[in-house]
Amino acid sequence: MALSTVPQTLKKETNDANPGTIADCLRQIGLGDVLSVQKQDITQSSASTMTLSPAALVVQSVRVISGAAAAGLRQIGDSGATPSTTVATLSDDGTTLTFEAGVTEAIVVYMQRSNTSLDTLEQPAS
């Protein structure tokens, strides 16, 4: 019976924490960037969306600071939520925050997504 090899994804290799591959996996993921909290003051014109760059993994807080909309904190909903005076939504890809009409500036604190999807096959250093 022949043994088959299972492709090693970054997620599996990182979870296995093999001393021989973990450093390469963490480098591919960009762990230092992922663990660094981003704080951005984002200004927009009349659109109800703001673009996050780099993309967000988790948004910790959003505070609206100017525009015709009410200033203050917003809860974060997924892409299926309805933007309102209490909720801003985050797109599935983590790149777009959507507010109710009238928001022109907000401060966003978030953790960014990894450089590479964790489902990507692990590429050993050459």
PDB file of N, CA and C in Angstrom:
ATOM      1  N   MET A   1       0.848  -1.175   0.000  1.00  0.00           N
ATOM      2  CA  MET A   1       0.000   0.000   0.000  1.00  0.00           C
ATOM      3  C   MET A   1       0.895   1.239   0.000  1.00  0.00           C
ATOM      4  N   ALA A   2       0.622   2.146  -0.907  1.00  0.00           N
ATOM      5  CA  ALA A   2       1.415   3.367  -1.029  1.00  0.00           C
ATOM      6  C   ALA A   2       0.888   4.431  -0.077  1.00  0.00           C
ATOM      7  N   LEU A   3       1.802   5.154   0.507  1.00  0.00           N
ATOM      8  CA  LEU A   3       1.419   6.257   1.373  1.00  0.00           C
ATOM      9  C   LEU A   3       1.176   7.494   0.528  1.00  0.00           C
ATOM     10  N   SER A   4       0.107   8.197   0.833  1.00  0.00           N
ATOM     11  CA  SER A   4      -0.132   9.443   0.101  1.00  0.00           C
ATOM     12  C   SER A   4       0.316  10.604   0.982  1.00  0.00           C
ATOM     13  N   THR A   5       0.742  11.645   0.351  1.00  0.00           N
ATOM     14  CA  THR A   5       1.149  12.817   1.119  1.00  0.00           C
ATOM     15  C   THR A   5       0.036  13.844   1.073  1.00  0.00           C
ATOM     16  N   VAL A   6      -0.270  14.382   2.223  1.00  0.00           N
ATOM     17  CA  VAL A   6      -1.302  15.400   2.336  1.00  0.00           C
ATOM     18  C   VAL A   6      -0.640  16.757   2.168  1.00  0.00           C
ATOM     19  N   PRO A   7      -1.166  17.609   1.267  1.00  0.00           N
ATOM     20  CA  PRO A   7      -0.567  18.933   1.118  1.00  0.00           C
ATOM     21  C   PRO A   7      -0.597  19.695   2.442  1.00  0.00           C
ATOM     22  N   GLN A   8       0.488  20.319   2.766  1.00  0.00           N
ATOM     23  CA  GLN A   8       0.587  21.070   4.005  1.00  0.00           C
ATOM     24  C   GLN A   8       0.212  22.527   3.746  1.00  0.00           C
ATOM     25  N   THR A   9      -0.901  22.947   4.308  1.00  0.00           N
ATOM     26  CA  THR A   9      -1.288  24.347   4.188  1.00  0.00           C
ATOM     27  C   THR A   9      -0.582  25.143   5.281  1.00  0.00           C
ATOM     28  N   LEU A  10      -0.545  26.453   5.103  1.00  0.00           N
ATOM     29  CA  LEU A  10       0.045  27.304   6.141  1.00  0.00           C
ATOM     30  C   LEU A  10      -0.680  27.121   7.461  1.00  0.00           C
ATOM     31  N   LYS A  11      -1.996  26.961   7.421  1.00  0.00           N
ATOM     32  CA  LYS A  11      -2.771  26.756   8.651  1.00  0.00           C
ATOM     33  C   LYS A  11      -2.317  25.494   9.374  1.00  0.00           C
ATOM     34  N   LYS A  12      -2.228  24.372   8.635  1.00  0.00           N
ATOM     35  CA  LYS A  12      -1.832  23.109   9.260  1.00  0.00           C
ATOM     36  C   LYS A  12      -0.399  23.173   9.773  1.00  0.00           C
ATOM     37  N   GLU A  13       0.508  23.701   8.959  1.00  0.00           N
ATOM     38  CA  GLU A  13       1.911  23.791   9.372  1.00  0.00           C
ATOM     39  C   GLU A  13       2.072  24.695  10.596  1.00  0.00           C
ATOM     40  N   THR A  14       1.325  25.783  10.638  1.00  0.00           N
ATOM     41  CA  THR A  14       1.412  26.686  11.781  1.00  0.00           C
ATOM     42  C   THR A  14       0.846  26.007  13.027  1.00  0.00           C
ATOM     43  N   ASN A  15      -0.276  25.304  12.883  1.00  0.00           N
ATOM     44  CA  ASN A  15      -0.853  24.591  14.025  1.00  0.00           C
ATOM     45  C   ASN A  15       0.062  23.470  14.515  1.00  0.00           C
ATOM     46  N   ASP A  16       0.744  22.791  13.584  1.00  0.00           N
ATOM     47  CA  ASP A  16       1.659  21.704  13.966  1.00  0.00           C
ATOM     48  C   ASP A  16       2.904  22.233  14.661  1.00  0.00           C
ATOM     49  N   ALA A  17       3.276  23.478  14.376  1.00  0.00           N
ATOM     50  CA  ALA A  17       4.432  24.145  14.997  1.00  0.00           C
ATOM     51  C   ALA A  17       5.708  23.316  14.905  1.00  0.00           C
ATOM     52  N   ASN A  18       5.939  22.730  13.752  1.00  0.00           N
ATOM     53  CA  ASN A  18       7.164  21.975  13.510  1.00  0.00           C
ATOM     54  C   ASN A  18       8.342  22.951  13.548  1.00  0.00           C
ATOM     55  N   PRO A  19       9.325  22.729  14.416  1.00  0.00           N
ATOM     56  CA  PRO A  19      10.454  23.660  14.515  1.00  0.00           C
ATOM     57  C   PRO A  19      11.197  23.877  13.199  1.00  0.00           C
ATOM     58  N   GLY A  20      11.142  22.904  12.293  1.00  0.00           N
ATOM     59  CA  GLY A  20      11.841  23.028  11.024  1.00  0.00           C
ATOM     60  C   GLY A  20      11.115  23.895  10.001  1.00  0.00           C
ATOM     61  N   THR A  21       9.801  24.124  10.182  1.00  0.00           N
ATOM     62  CA  THR A  21       9.041  24.876   9.176  1.00  0.00           C
ATOM     63  C   THR A  21       8.303  26.093   9.731  1.00  0.00           C
ATOM     64  N   ILE A  22       8.165  26.197  11.034  1.00  0.00           N
ATOM     65  CA  ILE A  22       7.326  27.251  11.609  1.00  0.00           C
ATOM     66  C   ILE A  22       7.809  28.656  11.249  1.00  0.00           C
ATOM     67  N   ALA A  23       9.106  28.876  11.251  1.00  0.00           N
ATOM     68  CA  ALA A  23       9.613  30.221  10.945  1.00  0.00           C
ATOM     69  C   ALA A  23       9.243  30.639   9.518  1.00  0.00           C
ATOM     70  N   ASP A  24       9.372  29.712   8.558  1.00  0.00           N
ATOM     71  CA  ASP A  24       9.013  30.021   7.173  1.00  0.00           C
ATOM     72  C   ASP A  24       7.516  30.299   7.047  1.00  0.00           C
ATOM     73  N   CYS A  25       6.705  29.518   7.748  1.00  0.00           N
ATOM     74  CA  CYS A  25       5.252  29.719   7.694  1.00  0.00           C
ATOM     75  C   CYS A  25       4.861  31.082   8.253  1.00  0.00           C
ATOM     76  N   LEU A  26       5.414  31.443   9.394  1.00  0.00           N
ATOM     77  CA  LEU A  26       5.085  32.729  10.011  1.00  0.00           C
ATOM     78  C   LEU A  26       5.547  33.891   9.141  1.00  0.00           C
ATOM     79  N   ARG A  27       6.655  33.714   8.448  1.00  0.00           N
ATOM     80  CA  ARG A  27       7.156  34.738   7.533  1.00  0.00           C
ATOM     81  C   ARG A  27       6.195  34.904   6.360  1.00  0.00           C
ATOM     82  N   GLN A  28       5.694  33.787   5.808  1.00  0.00           N
ATOM     83  CA  GLN A  28       4.754  33.855   4.689  1.00  0.00           C
ATOM     84  C   GLN A  28       3.435  34.511   5.103  1.00  0.00           C
ATOM     85  N   ILE A  29       2.994  34.230   6.306  1.00  0.00           N
ATOM     86  CA  ILE A  29       1.749  34.814   6.818  1.00  0.00           C
ATOM     87  C   ILE A  29       1.925  36.303   7.102  1.00  0.00           C
ATOM     88  N   GLY A  30       3.127  36.700   7.472  1.00  0.00           N
ATOM     89  CA  GLY A  30       3.369  38.093   7.864  1.00  0.00           C
ATOM     90  C   GLY A  30       2.885  38.326   9.282  1.00  0.00           C
ATOM     91  N   LEU A  31       3.243  37.421  10.193  1.00  0.00           N
ATOM     92  CA  LEU A  31       2.719  37.458  11.552  1.00  0.00           C
ATOM     93  C   LEU A  31       2.950  38.790  12.254  1.00  0.00           C
ATOM     94  N   GLY A  32       4.088  39.399  12.043  1.00  0.00           N
ATOM     95  CA  GLY A  32       4.348  40.690  12.680  1.00  0.00           C
ATOM     96  C   GLY A  32       3.329  41.734  12.261  1.00  0.00           C
ATOM     97  N   ASP A  33       2.962  41.748  10.981  1.00  0.00           N
ATOM     98  CA  ASP A  33       1.950  42.684  10.498  1.00  0.00           C
ATOM     99  C   ASP A  33       0.578  42.365  11.080  1.00  0.00           C
ATOM    100  N   VAL A  34       0.238  41.073  11.124  1.00  0.00           N
ATOM    101  CA  VAL A  34      -1.071  40.662  11.636  1.00  0.00           C
ATOM    102  C   VAL A  34      -1.231  41.068  13.102  1.00  0.00           C
ATOM    103  N   LEU A  35      -0.172  40.962  13.874  1.00  0.00           N
ATOM    104  CA  LEU A  35      -0.255  41.276  15.303  1.00  0.00           C
ATOM    105  C   LEU A  35      -0.121  42.767  15.611  1.00  0.00           C
ATOM    106  N   SER A  36       0.217  43.572  14.616  1.00  0.00           N
ATOM    107  CA  SER A  36       0.342  45.018  14.812  1.00  0.00           C
ATOM    108  C   SER A  36      -1.009  45.682  14.586  1.00  0.00           C
ATOM    109  N   VAL A  37      -1.514  46.333  15.601  1.00  0.00           N
ATOM    110  CA  VAL A  37      -2.809  47.003  15.489  1.00  0.00           C
ATOM    111  C   VAL A  37      -2.675  48.217  14.578  1.00  0.00           C
ATOM    112  N   GLN A  38      -3.600  48.347  13.642  1.00  0.00           N
ATOM    113  CA  GLN A  38      -3.648  49.471  12.712  1.00  0.00           C
ATOM    114  C   GLN A  38      -4.623  50.513  13.260  1.00  0.00           C
ATOM    115  N   LYS A  39      -4.265  51.774  13.194  1.00  0.00           N
ATOM    116  CA  LYS A  39      -5.180  52.847  13.573  1.00  0.00           C
ATOM    117  C   LYS A  39      -5.151  53.858  12.448  1.00  0.00           C
ATOM    118  N   GLN A  40      -6.286  54.028  11.794  1.00  0.00           N
ATOM    119  CA  GLN A  40      -6.346  54.919  10.647  1.00  0.00           C
ATOM    120  C   GLN A  40      -7.440  55.959  10.836  1.00  0.00           C
ATOM    121  N   ASP A  41      -7.133  57.178  10.486  1.00  0.00           N
ATOM    122  CA  ASP A  41      -8.119  58.246  10.402  1.00  0.00           C
ATOM    123  C   ASP A  41      -8.474  58.307   8.926  1.00  0.00           C
ATOM    124  N   ILE A  42      -9.673  57.868   8.569  1.00  0.00           N
ATOM    125  CA  ILE A  42     -10.069  57.758   7.174  1.00  0.00           C
ATOM    126  C   ILE A  42     -11.093  58.838   6.850  1.00  0.00           C
ATOM    127  N   THR A  43     -10.814  59.603   5.806  1.00  0.00           N
ATOM    128  CA  THR A  43     -11.724  60.642   5.337  1.00  0.00           C
ATOM    129  C   THR A  43     -12.281  60.220   3.995  1.00  0.00           C
ATOM    130  N   GLN A  44     -13.559  60.466   3.793  1.00  0.00           N
ATOM    131  CA  GLN A  44     -14.209  60.132   2.530  1.00  0.00           C
ATOM    132  C   GLN A  44     -15.032  61.322   2.072  1.00  0.00           C
ATOM    133  N   SER A  45     -15.467  61.262   0.832  1.00  0.00           N
ATOM    134  CA  SER A  45     -16.317  62.340   0.336  1.00  0.00           C
ATOM    135  C   SER A  45     -17.763  62.025   0.690  1.00  0.00           C
ATOM    136  N   SER A  46     -18.601  61.872  -0.294  1.00  0.00           N
ATOM    137  CA  SER A  46     -20.013  61.652  -0.006  1.00  0.00           C
ATOM    138  C   SER A  46     -20.413  60.179   0.001  1.00  0.00           C
ATOM    139  N   ALA A  47     -19.509  59.287  -0.378  1.00  0.00           N
ATOM    140  CA  ALA A  47     -19.840  57.859  -0.399  1.00  0.00           C
ATOM    141  C   ALA A  47     -20.021  57.342   1.011  1.00  0.00           C
ATOM    142  N   SER A  48     -20.784  56.275   1.172  1.00  0.00           N
ATOM    143  CA  SER A  48     -21.013  55.721   2.509  1.00  0.00           C
ATOM    144  C   SER A  48     -20.027  54.609   2.845  1.00  0.00           C
ATOM    145  N   THR A  49     -18.986  54.438   2.012  1.00  0.00           N
ATOM    146  CA  THR A  49     -18.008  53.388   2.269  1.00  0.00           C
ATOM    147  C   THR A  49     -16.607  53.956   2.455  1.00  0.00           C
ATOM    148  N   MET A  50     -15.799  53.240   3.231  1.00  0.00           N
ATOM    149  CA  MET A  50     -14.395  53.582   3.433  1.00  0.00           C
ATOM    150  C   MET A  50     -13.575  52.333   3.125  1.00  0.00           C
ATOM    151  N   THR A  51     -12.456  52.523   2.452  1.00  0.00           N
ATOM    152  CA  THR A  51     -11.589  51.410   2.088  1.00  0.00           C
ATOM    153  C   THR A  51     -10.487  51.255   3.125  1.00  0.00           C
ATOM    154  N   LEU A  52     -10.305  50.022   3.607  1.00  0.00           N
ATOM    155  CA  LEU A  52      -9.234  49.714   4.555  1.00  0.00           C
ATOM    156  C   LEU A  52      -8.065  49.114   3.790  1.00  0.00           C
ATOM    157  N   SER A  53      -6.900  49.662   4.010  1.00  0.00           N
ATOM    158  CA  SER A  53      -5.701  49.130   3.385  1.00  0.00           C
ATOM    159  C   SER A  53      -4.580  49.214   4.401  1.00  0.00           C
ATOM    160  N   PRO A  54      -4.089  48.093   4.874  1.00  0.00           N
ATOM    161  CA  PRO A  54      -4.365  46.721   4.484  1.00  0.00           C
ATOM    162  C   PRO A  54      -5.746  46.260   4.955  1.00  0.00           C
ATOM    163  N   ALA A  55      -6.218  45.149   4.376  1.00  0.00           N
ATOM    164  CA  ALA A  55      -7.528  44.598   4.707  1.00  0.00           C
ATOM    165  C   ALA A  55      -7.589  44.178   6.169  1.00  0.00           C
ATOM    166  N   ALA A  56      -8.790  44.270   6.749  1.00  0.00           N
ATOM    167  CA  ALA A  56      -8.982  43.951   8.165  1.00  0.00           C
ATOM    168  C   ALA A  56      -9.318  42.488   8.382  1.00  0.00           C
ATOM    169  N   LEU A  57      -8.766  41.935   9.431  1.00  0.00           N
ATOM    170  CA  LEU A  57      -9.165  40.619   9.925  1.00  0.00           C
ATOM    171  C   LEU A  57     -10.240  40.828  10.983  1.00  0.00           C
ATOM    172  N   VAL A  58      -9.953  41.722  11.929  1.00  0.00           N
ATOM    173  CA  VAL A  58     -10.868  42.041  13.020  1.00  0.00           C
ATOM    174  C   VAL A  58     -10.857  43.551  13.221  1.00  0.00           C
ATOM    175  N   VAL A  59     -12.031  44.166  13.247  1.00  0.00           N
ATOM    176  CA  VAL A  59     -12.127  45.586  13.555  1.00  0.00           C
ATOM    177  C   VAL A  59     -12.432  45.707  15.040  1.00  0.00           C
ATOM    178  N   GLN A  60     -11.571  46.416  15.756  1.00  0.00           N
ATOM    179  CA  GLN A  60     -11.748  46.565  17.199  1.00  0.00           C
ATOM    180  C   GLN A  60     -12.663  47.727  17.553  1.00  0.00           C
ATOM    181  N   SER A  61     -12.547  48.836  16.833  1.00  0.00           N
ATOM    182  CA  SER A  61     -13.439  49.958  17.101  1.00  0.00           C
ATOM    183  C   SER A  61     -13.527  50.880  15.901  1.00  0.00           C
ATOM    184  N   VAL A  62     -14.672  51.543  15.783  1.00  0.00           N
ATOM    185  CA  VAL A  62     -14.893  52.552  14.758  1.00  0.00           C
ATOM    186  C   VAL A  62     -15.579  53.723  15.448  1.00  0.00           C
ATOM    187  N   ARG A  63     -14.994  54.904  15.272  1.00  0.00           N
ATOM    188  CA  ARG A  63     -15.580  56.111  15.858  1.00  0.00           C
ATOM    189  C   ARG A  63     -15.757  57.136  14.752  1.00  0.00           C
ATOM    190  N   VAL A  64     -17.000  57.497  14.492  1.00  0.00           N
ATOM    191  CA  VAL A  64     -17.309  58.522  13.504  1.00  0.00           C
ATOM    192  C   VAL A  64     -16.990  59.872  14.139  1.00  0.00           C
ATOM    193  N   ILE A  65     -16.233  60.707  13.405  1.00  0.00           N
ATOM    194  CA  ILE A  65     -15.853  61.994  13.991  1.00  0.00           C
ATOM    195  C   ILE A  65     -16.353  63.200  13.207  1.00  0.00           C
ATOM    196  N   SER A  66     -16.821  62.990  11.958  1.00  0.00           N
ATOM    197  CA  SER A  66     -17.386  64.146  11.268  1.00  0.00           C
ATOM    198  C   SER A  66     -18.349  63.719  10.174  1.00  0.00           C
ATOM    199  N   GLY A  67     -19.164  64.680   9.760  1.00  0.00           N
ATOM    200  CA  GLY A  67     -20.163  64.465   8.720  1.00  0.00           C
ATOM    201  C   GLY A  67     -21.536  64.807   9.246  1.00  0.00           C
ATOM    202  N   ALA A  68     -22.530  64.650   8.390  1.00  0.00           N
ATOM    203  CA  ALA A  68     -23.912  64.957   8.778  1.00  0.00           C
ATOM    204  C   ALA A  68     -24.488  63.887   9.709  1.00  0.00           C
ATOM    205  N   ALA A  69     -23.879  62.700   9.723  1.00  0.00           N
ATOM    206  CA  ALA A  69     -24.342  61.620  10.597  1.00  0.00           C
ATOM    207  C   ALA A  69     -23.900  61.876  12.027  1.00  0.00           C
ATOM    208  N   ALA A  70     -24.546  61.204  12.950  1.00  0.00           N
ATOM    209  CA  ALA A  70     -24.210  61.360  14.362  1.00  0.00           C
ATOM    210  C   ALA A  70     -22.798  60.862  14.638  1.00  0.00           C
ATOM    211  N   ALA A  71     -22.009  61.672  15.351  1.00  0.00           N
ATOM    212  CA  ALA A  71     -20.670  61.259  15.755  1.00  0.00           C
ATOM    213  C   ALA A  71     -20.783  60.213  16.850  1.00  0.00           C
ATOM    214  N   GLY A  72     -19.761  59.391  16.971  1.00  0.00           N
ATOM    215  CA  GLY A  72     -19.725  58.413  18.054  1.00  0.00           C
ATOM    216  C   GLY A  72     -19.331  57.034  17.568  1.00  0.00           C
ATOM    217  N   LEU A  73     -19.333  56.098  18.495  1.00  0.00           N
ATOM    218  CA  LEU A  73     -18.916  54.727  18.208  1.00  0.00           C
ATOM    219  C   LEU A  73     -19.946  53.982  17.388  1.00  0.00           C
ATOM    220  N   ARG A  74     -19.467  53.044  16.587  1.00  0.00           N
ATOM    221  CA  ARG A  74     -20.329  52.155  15.822  1.00  0.00           C
ATOM    222  C   ARG A  74     -19.947  50.724  16.176  1.00  0.00           C
ATOM    223  N   GLN A  75     -20.949  49.859  16.276  1.00  0.00           N
ATOM    224  CA  GLN A  75     -20.690  48.436  16.378  1.00  0.00           C
ATOM    225  C   GLN A  75     -20.310  47.963  14.979  1.00  0.00           C
ATOM    226  N   ILE A  76     -19.633  46.816  14.894  1.00  0.00           N
ATOM    227  CA  ILE A  76     -19.236  46.278  13.599  1.00  0.00           C
ATOM    228  C   ILE A  76     -20.107  45.067  13.307  1.00  0.00           C
ATOM    229  N   GLY A  77     -20.776  45.107  12.155  1.00  0.00           N
ATOM    230  CA  GLY A  77     -21.569  43.975  11.704  1.00  0.00           C
ATOM    231  C   GLY A  77     -20.906  43.348  10.495  1.00  0.00           C
ATOM    232  N   ASP A  78     -21.295  42.112  10.169  1.00  0.00           N
ATOM    233  CA  ASP A  78     -20.768  41.486   8.959  1.00  0.00           C
ATOM    234  C   ASP A  78     -21.471  42.077   7.745  1.00  0.00           C
ATOM    235  N   SER A  79     -21.142  41.581   6.572  1.00  0.00           N
ATOM    236  CA  SER A  79     -21.658  42.171   5.336  1.00  0.00           C
ATOM    237  C   SER A  79     -23.177  42.059   5.210  1.00  0.00           C
ATOM    238  N   GLY A  80     -23.805  41.209   5.996  1.00  0.00           N
ATOM    239  CA  GLY A  80     -25.256  41.061   5.936  1.00  0.00           C
ATOM    240  C   GLY A  80     -26.013  42.020   6.839  1.00  0.00           C
ATOM    241  N   ALA A  81     -25.306  42.752   7.692  1.00  0.00           N
ATOM    242  CA  ALA A  81     -25.955  43.700   8.603  1.00  0.00           C
ATOM    243  C   ALA A  81     -26.378  44.951   7.840  1.00  0.00           C
ATOM    244  N   THR A  82     -27.218  45.764   8.466  1.00  0.00           N
ATOM    245  CA  THR A  82     -27.676  47.015   7.862  1.00  0.00           C
ATOM    246  C   THR A  82     -26.963  48.177   8.533  1.00  0.00           C
ATOM    247  N   PRO A  83     -26.232  48.980   7.757  1.00  0.00           N
ATOM    248  CA  PRO A  83     -25.570  50.150   8.338  1.00  0.00           C
ATOM    249  C   PRO A  83     -26.593  51.100   8.959  1.00  0.00           C
ATOM    250  N   SER A  84     -26.267  51.638  10.112  1.00  0.00           N
ATOM    251  CA  SER A  84     -27.172  52.550  10.802  1.00  0.00           C
ATOM    252  C   SER A  84     -26.358  53.472  11.701  1.00  0.00           C
ATOM    253  N   THR A  85     -27.042  54.272  12.498  1.00  0.00           N
ATOM    254  CA  THR A  85     -26.340  55.183  13.411  1.00  0.00           C
ATOM    255  C   THR A  85     -25.636  54.429  14.524  1.00  0.00           C
ATOM    256  N   THR A  86     -25.853  53.121  14.628  1.00  0.00           N
ATOM    257  CA  THR A  86     -25.164  52.330  15.646  1.00  0.00           C
ATOM    258  C   THR A  86     -24.296  51.222  15.045  1.00  0.00           C
ATOM    259  N   VAL A  87     -24.422  50.965  13.742  1.00  0.00           N
ATOM    260  CA  VAL A  87     -23.717  49.834  13.121  1.00  0.00           C
ATOM    261  C   VAL A  87     -23.011  50.251  11.831  1.00  0.00           C
ATOM    262  N   ALA A  88     -21.751  49.837  11.689  1.00  0.00           N
ATOM    263  CA  ALA A  88     -21.018  49.904  10.423  1.00  0.00           C
ATOM    264  C   ALA A  88     -20.768  48.464  10.015  1.00  0.00           C
ATOM    265  N   THR A  89     -20.797  48.171   8.729  1.00  0.00           N
ATOM    266  CA  THR A  89     -20.593  46.800   8.286  1.00  0.00           C
ATOM    267  C   THR A  89     -19.213  46.644   7.648  1.00  0.00           C
ATOM    268  N   LEU A  90     -18.643  45.455   7.802  1.00  0.00           N
ATOM    269  CA  LEU A  90     -17.348  45.121   7.227  1.00  0.00           C
ATOM    270  C   LEU A  90     -17.570  44.090   6.125  1.00  0.00           C
ATOM    271  N   SER A  91     -17.019  44.354   4.940  1.00  0.00           N
ATOM    272  CA  SER A  91     -17.155  43.420   3.820  1.00  0.00           C
ATOM    273  C   SER A  91     -16.472  42.099   4.158  1.00  0.00           C
ATOM    274  N   ASP A  92     -16.895  41.043   3.467  1.00  0.00           N
ATOM    275  CA  ASP A  92     -16.333  39.711   3.710  1.00  0.00           C
ATOM    276  C   ASP A  92     -14.832  39.653   3.459  1.00  0.00           C
ATOM    277  N   ASP A  93     -14.339  40.469   2.533  1.00  0.00           N
ATOM    278  CA  ASP A  93     -12.900  40.454   2.242  1.00  0.00           C
ATOM    279  C   ASP A  93     -12.104  41.402   3.142  1.00  0.00           C
ATOM    280  N   GLY A  94     -12.795  42.103   4.054  1.00  0.00           N
ATOM    281  CA  GLY A  94     -12.121  42.957   5.028  1.00  0.00           C
ATOM    282  C   GLY A  94     -11.616  44.277   4.486  1.00  0.00           C
ATOM    283  N   THR A  95     -12.024  44.653   3.280  1.00  0.00           N
ATOM    284  CA  THR A  95     -11.486  45.871   2.680  1.00  0.00           C
ATOM    285  C   THR A  95     -12.412  47.079   2.749  1.00  0.00           C
ATOM    286  N   THR A  96     -13.703  46.869   3.039  1.00  0.00           N
ATOM    287  CA  THR A  96     -14.646  47.973   2.963  1.00  0.00           C
ATOM    288  C   THR A  96     -15.528  48.063   4.204  1.00  0.00           C
ATOM    289  N   LEU A  97     -15.534  49.242   4.815  1.00  0.00           N
ATOM    290  CA  LEU A  97     -16.480  49.555   5.889  1.00  0.00           C
ATOM    291  C   LEU A  97     -17.599  50.368   5.271  1.00  0.00           C
ATOM    292  N   THR A  98     -18.837  50.023   5.589  1.00  0.00           N
ATOM    293  CA  THR A  98     -19.988  50.753   5.066  1.00  0.00           C
ATOM    294  C   THR A  98     -20.753  51.367   6.235  1.00  0.00           C
ATOM    295  N   PHE A  99     -21.048  52.656   6.102  1.00  0.00           N
ATOM    296  CA  PHE A  99     -21.753  53.417   7.117  1.00  0.00           C
ATOM    297  C   PHE A  99     -23.102  53.873   6.589  1.00  0.00           C
ATOM    298  N   GLU A 100     -23.894  54.438   7.484  1.00  0.00           N
ATOM    299  CA  GLU A 100     -25.099  55.133   7.044  1.00  0.00           C
ATOM    300  C   GLU A 100     -24.668  56.386   6.286  1.00  0.00           C
ATOM    301  N   ALA A 101     -25.571  56.989   5.566  1.00  0.00           N
ATOM    302  CA  ALA A 101     -25.248  58.200   4.813  1.00  0.00           C
ATOM    303  C   ALA A 101     -24.811  59.312   5.766  1.00  0.00           C
ATOM    304  N   GLY A 102     -23.914  60.164   5.287  1.00  0.00           N
ATOM    305  CA  GLY A 102     -23.527  61.340   6.044  1.00  0.00           C
ATOM    306  C   GLY A 102     -22.261  61.216   6.866  1.00  0.00           C
ATOM    307  N   VAL A 103     -21.573  60.081   6.792  1.00  0.00           N
ATOM    308  CA  VAL A 103     -20.308  59.920   7.514  1.00  0.00           C
ATOM    309  C   VAL A 103     -19.187  60.351   6.575  1.00  0.00           C
ATOM    310  N   THR A 104     -18.357  61.290   7.010  1.00  0.00           N
ATOM    311  CA  THR A 104     -17.248  61.724   6.159  1.00  0.00           C
ATOM    312  C   THR A 104     -15.871  61.447   6.760  1.00  0.00           C
ATOM    313  N   GLU A 105     -15.809  61.134   8.053  1.00  0.00           N
ATOM    314  CA  GLU A 105     -14.512  60.829   8.657  1.00  0.00           C
ATOM    315  C   GLU A 105     -14.722  59.910   9.859  1.00  0.00           C
ATOM    316  N   ALA A 106     -13.838  58.932   9.974  1.00  0.00           N
ATOM    317  CA  ALA A 106     -13.913  57.994  11.094  1.00  0.00           C
ATOM    318  C   ALA A 106     -12.511  57.537  11.450  1.00  0.00           C
ATOM    319  N   ILE A 107     -12.337  57.172  12.700  1.00  0.00           N
ATOM    320  CA  ILE A 107     -11.090  56.556  13.154  1.00  0.00           C
ATOM    321  C   ILE A 107     -11.377  55.078  13.344  1.00  0.00           C
ATOM    322  N   VAL A 108     -10.565  54.255  12.689  1.00  0.00           N
ATOM    323  CA  VAL A 108     -10.762  52.812  12.685  1.00  0.00           C
ATOM    324  C   VAL A 108      -9.534  52.151  13.308  1.00  0.00           C
ATOM    325  N   VAL A 109      -9.758  51.279  14.272  1.00  0.00           N
ATOM    326  CA  VAL A 109      -8.685  50.511  14.898  1.00  0.00           C
ATOM    327  C   VAL A 109      -8.958  49.046  14.572  1.00  0.00           C
ATOM    328  N   TYR A 110      -7.946  48.382  13.958  1.00  0.00           N
ATOM    329  CA  TYR A 110      -8.172  47.000  13.548  1.00  0.00           C
ATOM    330  C   TYR A 110      -6.874  46.215  13.427  1.00  0.00           C
ATOM    331  N   MET A 111      -7.032  44.899  13.345  1.00  0.00           N
ATOM    332  CA  MET A 111      -5.911  44.000  13.069  1.00  0.00           C
ATOM    333  C   MET A 111      -6.057  43.540  11.627  1.00  0.00           C
ATOM    334  N   GLN A 112      -4.953  43.575  10.888  1.00  0.00           N
ATOM    335  CA  GLN A 112      -5.017  43.260   9.463  1.00  0.00           C
ATOM    336  C   GLN A 112      -4.996  41.765   9.201  1.00  0.00           C
ATOM    337  N   ARG A 113      -5.458  41.405   8.016  1.00  0.00           N
ATOM    338  CA  ARG A 113      -5.410  40.010   7.569  1.00  0.00           C
ATOM    339  C   ARG A 113      -3.972  39.615   7.265  1.00  0.00           C
ATOM    340  N   SER A 114      -3.734  38.308   7.213  1.00  0.00           N
ATOM    341  CA  SER A 114      -2.390  37.823   6.891  1.00  0.00           C
ATOM    342  C   SER A 114      -2.049  38.136   5.435  1.00  0.00           C
ATOM    343  N   ASN A 115      -0.761  38.164   5.134  1.00  0.00           N
ATOM    344  CA  ASN A 115      -0.289  38.431   3.770  1.00  0.00           C
ATOM    345  C   ASN A 115      -0.787  37.383   2.790  1.00  0.00           C
ATOM    346  N   THR A 116      -0.927  36.163   3.267  1.00  0.00           N
ATOM    347  CA  THR A 116      -1.279  35.018   2.439  1.00  0.00           C
ATOM    348  C   THR A 116      -2.393  34.250   3.127  1.00  0.00           C
ATOM    349  N   SER A 117      -3.337  33.743   2.364  1.00  0.00           N
ATOM    350  CA  SER A 117      -4.412  32.926   2.930  1.00  0.00           C
ATOM    351  C   SER A 117      -3.810  31.725   3.651  1.00  0.00           C
ATOM    352  N   LEU A 118      -4.378  31.371   4.783  1.00  0.00           N
ATOM    353  CA  LEU A 118      -3.862  30.215   5.531  1.00  0.00           C
ATOM    354  C   LEU A 118      -4.168  28.893   4.835  1.00  0.00           C
ATOM    355  N   ASP A 119      -5.023  28.926   3.805  1.00  0.00           N
ATOM    356  CA  ASP A 119      -5.298  27.726   3.023  1.00  0.00           C
ATOM    357  C   ASP A 119      -4.262  27.519   1.914  1.00  0.00           C
ATOM    358  N   THR A 120      -3.333  28.474   1.764  1.00  0.00           N
ATOM    359  CA  THR A 120      -2.286  28.373   0.766  1.00  0.00           C
ATOM    360  C   THR A 120      -1.326  27.256   1.153  1.00  0.00           C
ATOM    361  N   LEU A 121      -0.831  26.554   0.146  1.00  0.00           N
ATOM    362  CA  LEU A 121       0.157  25.506   0.425  1.00  0.00           C
ATOM    363  C   LEU A 121       1.435  26.150   0.958  1.00  0.00           C
ATOM    364  N   GLU A 122       1.988  25.522   1.976  1.00  0.00           N
ATOM    365  CA  GLU A 122       3.223  26.005   2.582  1.00  0.00           C
ATOM    366  C   GLU A 122       4.352  25.876   1.580  1.00  0.00           C
ATOM    367  N   GLN A 123       5.142  26.938   1.435  1.00  0.00           N
ATOM    368  CA  GLN A 123       6.278  26.948   0.514  1.00  0.00           C
ATOM    369  C   GLN A 123       7.562  27.016   1.331  1.00  0.00           C
ATOM    370  N   PRO A 124       8.307  25.916   1.431  1.00  0.00           N
ATOM    371  CA  PRO A 124       9.558  25.951   2.198  1.00  0.00           C
ATOM    372  C   PRO A 124      10.529  26.987   1.628  1.00  0.00           C
ATOM    373  N   ALA A 125      11.330  27.554   2.489  1.00  0.00           N
ATOM    374  CA  ALA A 125      12.344  28.530   2.048  1.00  0.00           C
ATOM    375  C   ALA A 125      13.328  27.827   1.128  1.00  0.00           C
ATOM    376  N   SER A 126      13.792  28.553   0.122  1.00  0.00           N
ATOM    377  CA  SER A 126      14.743  27.928  -0.811  1.00  0.00           C
ATOM    378  C   SER A 126      16.156  28.364  -0.505  1.00  0.00           C
TER     379      SER A 126
END
